[in-house]
Amino acid sequence: MVLYIIGLGMGTEDDITLRGLNAVKSCTRVYLEAYTSILCVGKEKLEALYGKEVTLASREMVESESDTILDGAKEGNVAMLVVGDPVCATTHTDMMIRARELDIPVEVIHNASVMGAAGSCGLHLYNFGATVSIPYFTEGWRPYSFWEKTAYNRKGGMHTLALLDIKTKEPDFEALAKGKKVYLPPRFMSVNVALEQMLEAAESKGEEEGNYSKDTMCVGMARLGQKDQCIKVGSIEELLKEDFGEPLHCLVICADDVHELELEAMKHYIVAGSRYA
């Protein structure tokens, strides 16, 4: 019996690979991990294509109740479907480790992810440094760890891909305090919010030679891999005013020294009136 961890790609139900589709059809249970990223179609379309019922797996199920999933893989093939590629989130690596500790065979089936699709803007992937995550700030929690990593990358002449926070099935703690289990509406961070938080971090940390400023070239991207994907290039200050539309969004903070071939490929995406036009 096998635990399949299957990448779905970045667009619609049609982006699963043939190998992935065949694996799904061999499974007695199919789960869709629904909190590290989202597809632009509902699970009903997946079910219609697969001819299988698909169970949404929340963070709570994957991280705290994984025995439910792994026990099924002892009796028959089980699929965990992942938007993008399975090895781009530590959550999925943790599940692989636990499965192997239980002597459950694991097979990973790869697919396209934002880690590669970020090159759609024209920047060369081998010029990227460490990827960062930008979480939503709260009143009592404003982490600036992305600032240090971006500084490290830029000092090395590397671009930085920033993955932006999403909140799905987050508990309402006020309701929990009253004994009610209620979830907040989903939220997906926009490029604009990420840029605002970046400027706050820069102001808090103070100027550091080599790190970003309001004039730094960035690339805002939305819905990569879909027909209506959006890519815009400009300074932080310029992109703050742009509308990127529906989620999911991501962001690249460019190195100071952008290669001439990269600049040529990015021309099409530079916003009107930009200092980089």
Protein backbone atom coordinates (compact mmCIF):
# COMPACT_ATOMS: atom_id res chain seq x y z
CA MET A 1 0.00 0.00 0.00
CA VAL A 2 1.32 3.46 -0.90
CA LEU A 3 0.96 7.05 0.30
CA TYR A 4 1.05 9.18 -2.84
CA ILE A 5 1.86 12.86 -2.40
CA ILE A 6 0.82 14.41 -5.69
CA GLY A 7 1.44 17.90 -7.04
CA LEU A 8 -1.53 19.48 -8.82
CA GLY A 9 0.29 22.36 -10.50
CA MET A 10 -0.89 25.94 -10.31
CA GLY A 11 -3.97 26.37 -12.46
CA THR A 12 -7.01 24.13 -12.79
CA GLU A 13 -7.94 20.48 -12.39
CA ASP A 14 -6.39 19.82 -15.83
CA ASP A 15 -2.84 20.53 -14.60
CA ILE A 16 -2.36 17.21 -12.82
CA THR A 17 0.14 14.98 -14.67
CA LEU A 18 -0.96 11.72 -16.30
CA ARG A 19 1.16 9.83 -13.78
CA GLY A 20 -0.54 11.72 -10.96
CA LEU A 21 -4.00 11.07 -12.38
CA ASN A 22 -3.34 7.35 -12.69
CA ALA A 23 -2.12 7.26 -9.09
CA VAL A 24 -5.25 9.05 -7.85
CA LYS A 25 -7.47 6.56 -9.66
CA SER A 26 -5.71 3.70 -7.85
CA CYS A 27 -6.47 5.15 -4.41
CA THR A 28 -9.18 4.26 -1.92
CA ARG A 29 -8.92 7.66 -0.22
CA VAL A 30 -8.05 11.06 -1.70
CA TYR A 31 -7.26 14.16 0.37
CA LEU A 32 -6.68 17.74 -0.79
CA GLU A 33 -4.33 19.75 1.42
CA ALA A 34 -6.13 23.07 1.54
CA TYR A 35 -4.11 25.53 3.60
CA THR A 36 -0.57 26.05 2.22
CA SER A 37 -2.04 27.12 -1.13
CA ILE A 38 -5.28 27.02 -3.13
CA LEU A 39 -6.43 26.06 -6.62
CA CYS A 40 -8.62 28.40 -8.65
CA VAL A 41 -11.29 25.68 -8.95
CA GLY A 42 -13.40 23.89 -6.36
CA LYS A 43 -12.90 20.29 -5.29
CA GLU A 44 -16.06 19.36 -7.21
CA LYS A 45 -14.13 19.73 -10.47
CA LEU A 46 -11.38 17.49 -9.13
CA GLU A 47 -13.95 14.88 -8.14
CA ALA A 48 -15.55 14.98 -11.59
CA LEU A 49 -12.19 14.38 -13.28
CA TYR A 50 -10.97 11.70 -10.87
CA GLY A 51 -14.26 9.87 -10.36
CA LYS A 52 -13.39 9.90 -6.65
CA GLU A 53 -14.56 11.71 -3.55
CA VAL A 54 -11.99 14.28 -2.39
CA THR A 55 -11.72 15.16 1.31
CA LEU A 56 -10.45 18.63 2.23
CA ALA A 57 -7.55 18.30 4.68
CA SER A 58 -7.21 21.29 7.00
CA ARG A 59 -4.03 22.27 8.83
CA GLU A 60 -5.45 20.61 11.94
CA MET A 61 -6.01 17.31 10.13
CA VAL A 62 -2.59 17.25 8.43
CA GLU A 63 -0.52 18.38 11.41
CA SER A 64 -2.45 17.01 14.41
CA GLU A 65 -4.63 14.20 13.07
CA SER A 66 -2.36 12.70 10.41
CA ASP A 67 -2.90 9.21 11.86
CA THR A 68 -6.29 9.25 10.13
CA ILE A 69 -4.55 9.64 6.78
CA LEU A 70 -1.63 7.31 7.48
CA ASP A 71 -3.81 4.51 8.89
CA GLY A 72 -5.66 4.45 5.58
CA ALA A 73 -2.37 3.96 3.73
CA LYS A 74 -1.78 0.74 5.68
CA GLU A 75 -4.89 -0.78 4.10
CA GLY A 76 -4.96 0.75 0.60
CA ASN A 77 -3.42 3.43 -1.58
CA VAL A 78 -3.99 6.97 -0.28
CA ALA A 79 -3.38 10.24 -2.15
CA MET A 80 -2.54 13.59 -0.58
CA LEU A 81 -3.05 16.24 -3.26
CA VAL A 82 -0.92 19.37 -2.99
CA VAL A 83 -1.28 22.60 -4.97
CA GLY A 84 2.00 23.26 -6.79
CA ASP A 85 4.77 20.78 -6.01
CA PRO A 86 4.80 18.49 -2.94
CA VAL A 87 8.34 19.28 -1.77
CA CYS A 88 7.93 23.06 -1.57
CA ALA A 89 6.38 23.05 1.93
CA THR A 90 7.83 21.53 5.11
CA THR A 91 4.37 20.23 6.07
CA HIS A 92 4.53 17.61 3.34
CA THR A 93 8.09 16.60 4.21
CA ASP A 94 6.96 15.97 7.79
CA MET A 95 4.18 13.68 6.56
CA MET A 96 6.65 11.73 4.42
CA ILE A 97 8.92 11.22 7.44
CA ARG A 98 6.06 9.96 9.62
CA ALA A 99 4.85 7.59 6.90
CA ARG A 100 8.30 6.06 6.45
CA GLU A 101 8.64 5.61 10.22
CA LEU A 102 5.51 3.45 9.96
CA ASP A 103 7.01 1.50 7.02
CA ILE A 104 4.44 2.98 4.63
CA PRO A 105 5.92 3.38 1.12
CA VAL A 106 5.82 6.99 -0.09
CA GLU A 107 5.77 8.08 -3.72
CA VAL A 108 6.09 11.77 -4.61
CA ILE A 109 4.74 12.94 -7.98
CA HIS A 110 6.02 16.39 -8.89
CA ASN A 111 4.39 19.29 -10.73
CA ALA A 112 4.89 22.98 -11.50
CA SER A 113 5.13 25.40 -8.58
CA VAL A 114 5.66 29.09 -7.88
CA MET A 115 9.34 28.32 -7.24
CA GLY A 116 9.82 27.80 -10.98
CA ALA A 117 6.96 29.88 -12.34
CA ALA A 118 8.47 33.00 -10.75
CA GLY A 119 10.82 33.01 -13.74
CA SER A 120 7.84 33.99 -15.92
CA CYS A 121 8.68 37.63 -15.22
CA GLY A 122 12.01 37.33 -17.05
CA LEU A 123 14.38 37.00 -14.10
CA HIS A 124 16.80 34.07 -14.27
CA LEU A 125 16.08 31.45 -11.62
CA TYR A 126 19.76 30.79 -10.95
CA ASN A 127 20.08 34.42 -9.81
CA PHE A 128 17.68 33.85 -6.88
CA GLY A 129 18.75 33.44 -3.27
CA ALA A 130 16.78 32.10 -0.30
CA THR A 131 12.99 32.33 -0.55
CA VAL A 132 11.21 34.26 2.21
CA SER A 133 7.68 34.26 3.62
CA ILE A 134 5.87 37.46 4.58
CA PRO A 135 3.19 36.81 7.23
CA TYR A 136 0.31 39.08 8.12
CA PHE A 137 1.30 41.47 10.90
CA THR A 138 -0.91 41.63 13.96
CA GLU A 139 -1.06 44.15 16.78
CA GLY A 140 1.23 42.05 18.95
CA TRP A 141 3.28 40.17 16.33
CA ARG A 142 5.26 41.96 13.64
CA PRO A 143 8.11 39.64 12.54
CA TYR A 144 10.80 41.19 10.34
CA SER A 145 12.82 38.04 9.61
CA PHE A 146 12.26 38.48 5.87
CA TRP A 147 14.20 41.76 6.08
CA GLU A 148 17.42 40.02 7.18
CA LYS A 149 17.14 37.33 4.50
CA THR A 150 16.45 39.89 1.79
CA ALA A 151 19.50 41.88 2.92
CA TYR A 152 21.63 38.72 2.75
CA ASN A 153 20.42 37.93 -0.78
CA ARG A 154 20.85 41.45 -2.11
CA LYS A 155 24.38 41.75 -0.72
CA GLY A 156 25.17 38.61 -2.72
CA GLY A 157 23.62 40.06 -5.89
CA MET A 158 20.61 37.72 -5.70
CA HIS A 159 16.88 38.22 -6.20
CA THR A 160 14.44 37.25 -3.43
CA LEU A 161 11.15 35.43 -4.00
CA ALA A 162 8.64 36.33 -1.29
CA LEU A 163 5.70 34.01 -0.66
CA LEU A 164 2.74 35.86 0.82
CA ASP A 165 0.58 34.75 3.71
CA ILE A 166 -2.77 33.01 3.31
CA LYS A 167 -5.25 32.35 6.09
CA THR A 168 -7.79 29.56 5.64
CA LYS A 169 -9.92 28.02 8.38
CA GLU A 170 -8.30 30.17 11.06
CA PRO A 171 -10.09 29.94 14.43
CA ASP A 172 -11.93 32.95 15.85
CA PHE A 173 -10.35 33.12 19.31
CA GLU A 174 -13.04 35.44 20.67
CA ALA A 175 -15.68 32.86 19.75
CA LEU A 176 -13.53 30.05 21.19
CA ALA A 177 -13.37 31.92 24.50
CA LYS A 178 -17.17 31.74 24.54
CA GLY A 179 -17.11 28.02 23.84
CA LYS A 180 -17.99 28.31 20.15
CA LYS A 181 -15.87 26.82 17.35
CA VAL A 182 -16.04 29.46 14.61
CA TYR A 183 -13.63 30.08 11.74
CA LEU A 184 -12.66 33.44 10.29
CA PRO A 185 -13.23 34.19 6.58
CA PRO A 186 -10.26 33.27 4.34
CA ARG A 187 -7.66 35.99 3.71
CA PHE A 188 -4.97 36.13 1.04
CA MET A 189 -2.18 38.70 1.30
CA SER A 190 -1.89 41.07 -1.64
CA VAL A 191 1.32 42.40 -3.13
CA ASN A 192 0.29 45.83 -1.83
CA VAL A 193 0.02 44.70 1.81
CA ALA A 194 3.35 42.86 1.53
CA LEU A 195 5.06 46.01 0.22
CA GLU A 196 3.58 48.12 3.03
CA GLN A 197 4.91 45.66 5.60
CA MET A 198 8.31 45.59 3.90
CA LEU A 199 8.59 49.37 4.18
CA GLU A 200 7.56 49.20 7.84
CA ALA A 201 10.29 46.62 8.47
CA ALA A 202 12.87 48.77 6.69
CA GLU A 203 11.88 51.82 8.73
CA SER A 204 12.04 49.83 11.97
CA LYS A 205 15.40 48.24 11.16
CA GLY A 206 16.98 51.41 9.86
CA GLU A 207 18.94 51.84 6.67
CA GLU A 208 21.44 49.15 5.80
CA GLU A 209 23.71 49.40 2.80
CA GLY A 210 22.63 46.95 0.13
CA ASN A 211 19.09 46.27 1.37
CA TYR A 212 15.90 47.48 -0.28
CA SER A 213 14.28 50.93 -0.20
CA LYS A 214 11.11 52.44 -1.67
CA ASP A 215 13.01 52.84 -4.97
CA THR A 216 14.09 49.19 -5.26
CA MET A 217 12.88 47.31 -8.34
CA CYS A 218 10.33 44.61 -7.53
CA VAL A 219 8.04 42.30 -9.46
CA GLY A 220 4.48 41.77 -8.28
CA MET A 221 2.79 38.64 -9.62
CA ALA A 222 -0.70 37.19 -9.27
CA ARG A 223 -2.38 33.94 -10.34
CA LEU A 224 0.78 32.51 -11.91
CA GLY A 225 0.07 29.57 -14.17
CA GLN A 226 -3.48 30.70 -14.92
CA LYS A 227 -4.80 32.30 -18.10
CA ASP A 228 -5.26 35.68 -16.40
CA GLN A 229 -1.90 35.78 -14.63
CA CYS A 230 -0.70 39.29 -13.82
CA ILE A 231 2.93 40.47 -13.74
CA LYS A 232 3.99 44.06 -13.01
CA VAL A 233 7.48 45.52 -12.61
CA GLY A 234 8.32 48.77 -10.85
CA SER A 235 9.72 50.25 -7.67
CA ILE A 236 8.16 49.42 -4.32
CA GLU A 237 6.63 52.90 -4.25
CA GLU A 238 5.18 52.47 -7.76
CA LEU A 239 3.77 48.98 -7.22
CA LEU A 240 1.98 50.07 -4.04
CA LYS A 241 -0.49 51.91 -6.31
CA GLU A 242 -1.11 48.98 -8.67
CA ASP A 243 -4.08 46.60 -8.67
CA PHE A 244 -3.08 42.93 -8.99
CA GLY A 245 -6.58 41.49 -8.80
CA GLU A 246 -7.62 38.17 -7.30
CA PRO A 247 -5.26 35.87 -5.33
CA LEU A 248 -2.83 34.22 -5.09
CA HIS A 249 -0.08 36.87 -5.12
CA CYS A 250 3.70 36.66 -4.78
CA LEU A 251 6.56 39.12 -5.00
CA VAL A 252 10.18 39.31 -6.10
CA ILE A 253 12.62 41.85 -4.63
CA CYS A 254 15.26 42.30 -7.31
CA ALA A 255 19.00 42.52 -6.80
CA ASP A 256 20.57 45.91 -7.54
CA ASP A 257 22.48 44.46 -10.48
CA VAL A 258 19.86 43.03 -12.84
CA HIS A 259 21.35 41.34 -15.91
CA GLU A 260 20.71 43.04 -19.25
CA LEU A 261 18.93 39.95 -20.61
CA GLU A 262 16.65 39.95 -17.57
CA LEU A 263 15.88 43.63 -18.10
CA GLU A 264 15.10 43.00 -21.76
CA ALA A 265 12.70 40.18 -20.85
CA MET A 266 11.02 42.33 -18.18
CA LYS A 267 10.34 45.35 -20.41
CA HIS A 268 6.85 44.15 -21.28
CA TYR A 269 5.81 44.17 -17.61
CA ILE A 270 7.13 47.57 -16.47
CA VAL A 271 4.29 49.79 -15.22
CA ALA A 272 3.52 53.05 -17.04
CA GLY A 273 5.57 56.02 -15.85
CA SER A 274 8.03 53.85 -13.93
CA ARG A 275 11.53 55.06 -13.13
CA TYR A 276 12.64 51.80 -14.80
CA ALA A 277 10.79 52.39 -18.09
